[in-house]
Amino acid sequence: MSDITRIDSVPGVPLAVGPYVQATSAGGFVFTTGQIPAAPGEPNGSFEDEVRATLRNLEAVLVAAGSDLDHVLKVNTYLASPDQLAPYNQVYERFFRGRQPARTTVCTGLWGVSLEIDCVAVVSAGAET
């Protein structure tokens, strides 16, 4: 399967904690692994700071895979609590202003983190991964 590109690690982004990569791309699409604000259990400041850090990690993985936030088609968000939805939306909207992708948001028990975000994007025109 030589047409599949795997992004093992991106500088500045927490490493995968299991047997998976940070993103794969094939057929013009990028599929990211769920990104978190930092290593599980490490404090990051306010919840809004954690959302910004997570979205920056997601953006860094997308860039490494030949895409960016402008090319995101679908976002999946996992929050630890329903109370996080309003502040999450405020930060999220700043990152995706004017380019709102489809999105699913669920609240679920997470392993020592407040949120996790993954997405599907298209590879930018002319990008090489």
C-alpha atoms as a PDB file:
ATOM      1  CA  MET A   1       0.000   0.000   0.000  1.00  0.00           C
ATOM      2  CA  SER A   2       2.504   2.574  -1.119  1.00  0.00           C
ATOM      3  CA  ASP A   3      -0.218   5.196  -1.691  1.00  0.00           C
ATOM      4  CA  ILE A   4      -0.751   5.561   2.069  1.00  0.00           C
ATOM      5  CA  THR A   5       1.436   8.031   3.948  1.00  0.00           C
ATOM      6  CA  ARG A   6       1.818   7.720   7.697  1.00  0.00           C
ATOM      7  CA  ILE A   7       2.870  10.628   9.926  1.00  0.00           C
ATOM      8  CA  ASP A   8       4.568   9.031  12.942  1.00  0.00           C
ATOM      9  CA  SER A   9       5.447  12.132  14.935  1.00  0.00           C
ATOM     10  CA  VAL A  10       5.262  15.885  14.595  1.00  0.00           C
ATOM     11  CA  PRO A  11       7.665  18.141  16.511  1.00  0.00           C
ATOM     12  CA  GLY A  12       5.951  19.832  19.459  1.00  0.00           C
ATOM     13  CA  VAL A  13       2.938  17.519  19.397  1.00  0.00           C
ATOM     14  CA  PRO A  14       2.470  14.830  22.078  1.00  0.00           C
ATOM     15  CA  LEU A  15       3.601  11.434  20.800  1.00  0.00           C
ATOM     16  CA  ALA A  16       1.069   8.677  20.230  1.00  0.00           C
ATOM     17  CA  VAL A  17       0.668   6.622  23.399  1.00  0.00           C
ATOM     18  CA  GLY A  18      -0.195   3.387  21.623  1.00  0.00           C
ATOM     19  CA  PRO A  19       0.355   1.438  18.418  1.00  0.00           C
ATOM     20  CA  TYR A  20      -0.858   4.131  16.009  1.00  0.00           C
ATOM     21  CA  VAL A  21       0.408   7.160  14.107  1.00  0.00           C
ATOM     22  CA  GLN A  22      -0.627  10.817  14.351  1.00  0.00           C
ATOM     23  CA  ALA A  23      -2.139  10.854  10.856  1.00  0.00           C
ATOM     24  CA  THR A  24      -2.509   8.899   7.667  1.00  0.00           C
ATOM     25  CA  SER A  25      -3.200  10.227   4.210  1.00  0.00           C
ATOM     26  CA  ALA A  26      -4.409   8.482   1.086  1.00  0.00           C
ATOM     27  CA  GLY A  27      -6.474   9.366  -1.941  1.00  0.00           C
ATOM     28  CA  GLY A  28      -6.188  13.080  -1.258  1.00  0.00           C
ATOM     29  CA  PHE A  29      -7.533  12.816   2.305  1.00  0.00           C
ATOM     30  CA  VAL A  30      -5.868  13.196   5.713  1.00  0.00           C
ATOM     31  CA  PHE A  31      -7.174  11.326   8.758  1.00  0.00           C
ATOM     32  CA  THR A  32      -5.789  12.531  12.076  1.00  0.00           C
ATOM     33  CA  THR A  33      -5.519  10.689  15.348  1.00  0.00           C
ATOM     34  CA  GLY A  34      -7.264  12.317  18.288  1.00  0.00           C
ATOM     35  CA  GLN A  35      -5.173  15.211  19.550  1.00  0.00           C
ATOM     36  CA  ILE A  36      -5.026  16.331  23.165  1.00  0.00           C
ATOM     37  CA  PRO A  37      -3.658  19.512  24.789  1.00  0.00           C
ATOM     38  CA  ALA A  38      -0.525  17.784  26.141  1.00  0.00           C
ATOM     39  CA  ALA A  39       0.520  14.538  27.748  1.00  0.00           C
ATOM     40  CA  PRO A  40      -2.313  13.023  29.844  1.00  0.00           C
ATOM     41  CA  GLY A  41      -2.386  14.211  33.424  1.00  0.00           C
ATOM     42  CA  GLU A  42      -0.303  17.366  32.828  1.00  0.00           C
ATOM     43  CA  PRO A  43      -2.094  20.630  33.721  1.00  0.00           C
ATOM     44  CA  ASN A  44      -2.408  23.201  30.928  1.00  0.00           C
ATOM     45  CA  GLY A  45      -4.184  26.164  32.525  1.00  0.00           C
ATOM     46  CA  SER A  46      -7.801  27.040  31.775  1.00  0.00           C
ATOM     47  CA  PHE A  47     -10.040  24.827  29.691  1.00  0.00           C
ATOM     48  CA  GLU A  48      -9.905  27.453  26.931  1.00  0.00           C
ATOM     49  CA  ASP A  49      -6.095  27.211  26.963  1.00  0.00           C
ATOM     50  CA  GLU A  50      -6.411  23.450  26.589  1.00  0.00           C
ATOM     51  CA  VAL A  51      -8.771  23.852  23.606  1.00  0.00           C
ATOM     52  CA  ARG A  52      -6.315  26.247  21.925  1.00  0.00           C
ATOM     53  CA  ALA A  53      -3.397  23.866  22.575  1.00  0.00           C
ATOM     54  CA  THR A  54      -5.361  20.917  21.180  1.00  0.00           C
ATOM     55  CA  LEU A  55      -6.367  22.800  18.040  1.00  0.00           C
ATOM     56  CA  ARG A  56      -2.749  23.945  17.535  1.00  0.00           C
ATOM     57  CA  ASN A  57      -1.632  20.308  17.835  1.00  0.00           C
ATOM     58  CA  LEU A  58      -4.280  19.305  15.293  1.00  0.00           C
ATOM     59  CA  GLU A  59      -3.130  22.068  12.954  1.00  0.00           C
ATOM     60  CA  ALA A  60       0.522  20.980  13.259  1.00  0.00           C
ATOM     61  CA  VAL A  61      -0.383  17.392  12.372  1.00  0.00           C
ATOM     62  CA  LEU A  62      -2.429  18.568   9.389  1.00  0.00           C
ATOM     63  CA  VAL A  63       0.454  20.699   8.100  1.00  0.00           C
ATOM     64  CA  ALA A  64       2.857  17.771   8.465  1.00  0.00           C
ATOM     65  CA  ALA A  65       0.436  15.710   6.362  1.00  0.00           C
ATOM     66  CA  GLY A  66       0.155  18.360   3.630  1.00  0.00           C
ATOM     67  CA  SER A  67      -3.067  20.037   4.721  1.00  0.00           C
ATOM     68  CA  ASP A  68      -4.280  22.747   7.109  1.00  0.00           C
ATOM     69  CA  LEU A  69      -7.376  23.978   8.949  1.00  0.00           C
ATOM     70  CA  ASP A  70      -8.747  25.530   5.738  1.00  0.00           C
ATOM     71  CA  HIS A  71      -9.080  22.043   4.260  1.00  0.00           C
ATOM     72  CA  VAL A  72     -10.855  20.295   7.155  1.00  0.00           C
ATOM     73  CA  LEU A  73     -14.055  18.522   6.124  1.00  0.00           C
ATOM     74  CA  LYS A  74     -15.136  16.892   9.387  1.00  0.00           C
ATOM     75  CA  VAL A  75     -14.214  17.315  13.070  1.00  0.00           C
ATOM     76  CA  ASN A  76     -14.954  14.880  15.883  1.00  0.00           C
ATOM     77  CA  THR A  77     -14.716  16.308  19.384  1.00  0.00           C
ATOM     78  CA  TYR A  78     -14.796  14.408  22.647  1.00  0.00           C
ATOM     79  CA  LEU A  79     -15.405  16.456  25.804  1.00  0.00           C
ATOM     80  CA  ALA A  80     -15.191  15.225  29.385  1.00  0.00           C
ATOM     81  CA  SER A  81     -18.260  17.236  30.481  1.00  0.00           C
ATOM     82  CA  PRO A  82     -21.326  18.873  28.885  1.00  0.00           C
ATOM     83  CA  ASP A  83     -20.363  22.064  30.773  1.00  0.00           C
ATOM     84  CA  GLN A  84     -17.376  22.414  28.420  1.00  0.00           C
ATOM     85  CA  LEU A  85     -19.467  22.875  25.269  1.00  0.00           C
ATOM     86  CA  ALA A  86     -19.987  26.660  25.435  1.00  0.00           C
ATOM     87  CA  PRO A  87     -16.330  27.567  26.129  1.00  0.00           C
ATOM     88  CA  TYR A  88     -15.218  24.966  23.569  1.00  0.00           C
ATOM     89  CA  ASN A  89     -17.438  26.537  20.910  1.00  0.00           C
ATOM     90  CA  GLN A  90     -16.050  30.020  21.623  1.00  0.00           C
ATOM     91  CA  VAL A  91     -12.440  28.937  21.016  1.00  0.00           C
ATOM     92  CA  TYR A  92     -13.327  26.547  18.162  1.00  0.00           C
ATOM     93  CA  GLU A  93     -15.152  29.301  16.292  1.00  0.00           C
ATOM     94  CA  ARG A  94     -12.019  31.498  16.305  1.00  0.00           C
ATOM     95  CA  PHE A  95      -9.952  28.690  14.738  1.00  0.00           C
ATOM     96  CA  PHE A  96     -12.565  27.829  12.081  1.00  0.00           C
ATOM     97  CA  ARG A  97     -13.980  31.306  11.419  1.00  0.00           C
ATOM     98  CA  GLY A  98     -15.745  31.383   8.057  1.00  0.00           C
ATOM     99  CA  ARG A  99     -14.842  27.776   7.190  1.00  0.00           C
ATOM    100  CA  GLN A 100     -17.091  25.681   9.383  1.00  0.00           C
ATOM    101  CA  PRO A 101     -16.564  21.963   8.709  1.00  0.00           C
ATOM    102  CA  ALA A 102     -19.103  19.299   9.613  1.00  0.00           C
ATOM    103  CA  ARG A 103     -18.727  18.361  13.275  1.00  0.00           C
ATOM    104  CA  THR A 104     -19.762  15.783  15.851  1.00  0.00           C
ATOM    105  CA  THR A 105     -19.302  16.546  19.554  1.00  0.00           C
ATOM    106  CA  VAL A 106     -19.873  14.005  22.302  1.00  0.00           C
ATOM    107  CA  CYS A 107     -19.278  13.938  26.039  1.00  0.00           C
ATOM    108  CA  THR A 108     -17.511  10.862  27.287  1.00  0.00           C
ATOM    109  CA  GLY A 109     -15.166   9.661  29.979  1.00  0.00           C
ATOM    110  CA  LEU A 110     -11.597  10.425  28.923  1.00  0.00           C
ATOM    111  CA  TRP A 111      -8.297   9.127  30.293  1.00  0.00           C
ATOM    112  CA  GLY A 112      -7.006  12.069  32.299  1.00  0.00           C
ATOM    113  CA  VAL A 113      -7.589  14.737  29.630  1.00  0.00           C
ATOM    114  CA  SER A 114     -10.357  17.300  29.245  1.00  0.00           C
ATOM    115  CA  LEU A 115     -10.861  16.910  25.500  1.00  0.00           C
ATOM    116  CA  GLU A 116      -9.709  15.145  22.358  1.00  0.00           C
ATOM    117  CA  ILE A 117     -10.179  16.233  18.732  1.00  0.00           C
ATOM    118  CA  ASP A 118      -9.641  14.413  15.439  1.00  0.00           C
ATOM    119  CA  CYS A 119     -10.560  15.332  11.890  1.00  0.00           C
ATOM    120  CA  VAL A 120     -10.682  14.433   8.215  1.00  0.00           C
ATOM    121  CA  ALA A 121      -9.241  16.945   5.762  1.00  0.00           C
ATOM    122  CA  VAL A 122      -8.232  17.098   2.126  1.00  0.00           C
ATOM    123  CA  VAL A 123      -4.590  17.438   1.127  1.00  0.00           C
ATOM    124  CA  SER A 124      -3.795  20.974  -0.020  1.00  0.00           C
ATOM    125  CA  ALA A 125      -3.325  21.400  -3.752  1.00  0.00           C
ATOM    126  CA  GLY A 126       0.319  20.836  -4.651  1.00  0.00           C
ATOM    127  CA  ALA A 127       1.247  19.510  -1.219  1.00  0.00           C
ATOM    128  CA  GLU A 128       3.627  16.611  -1.029  1.00  0.00           C
ATOM    129  CA  THR A 129       3.535  14.320   1.994  1.00  0.00           C
END
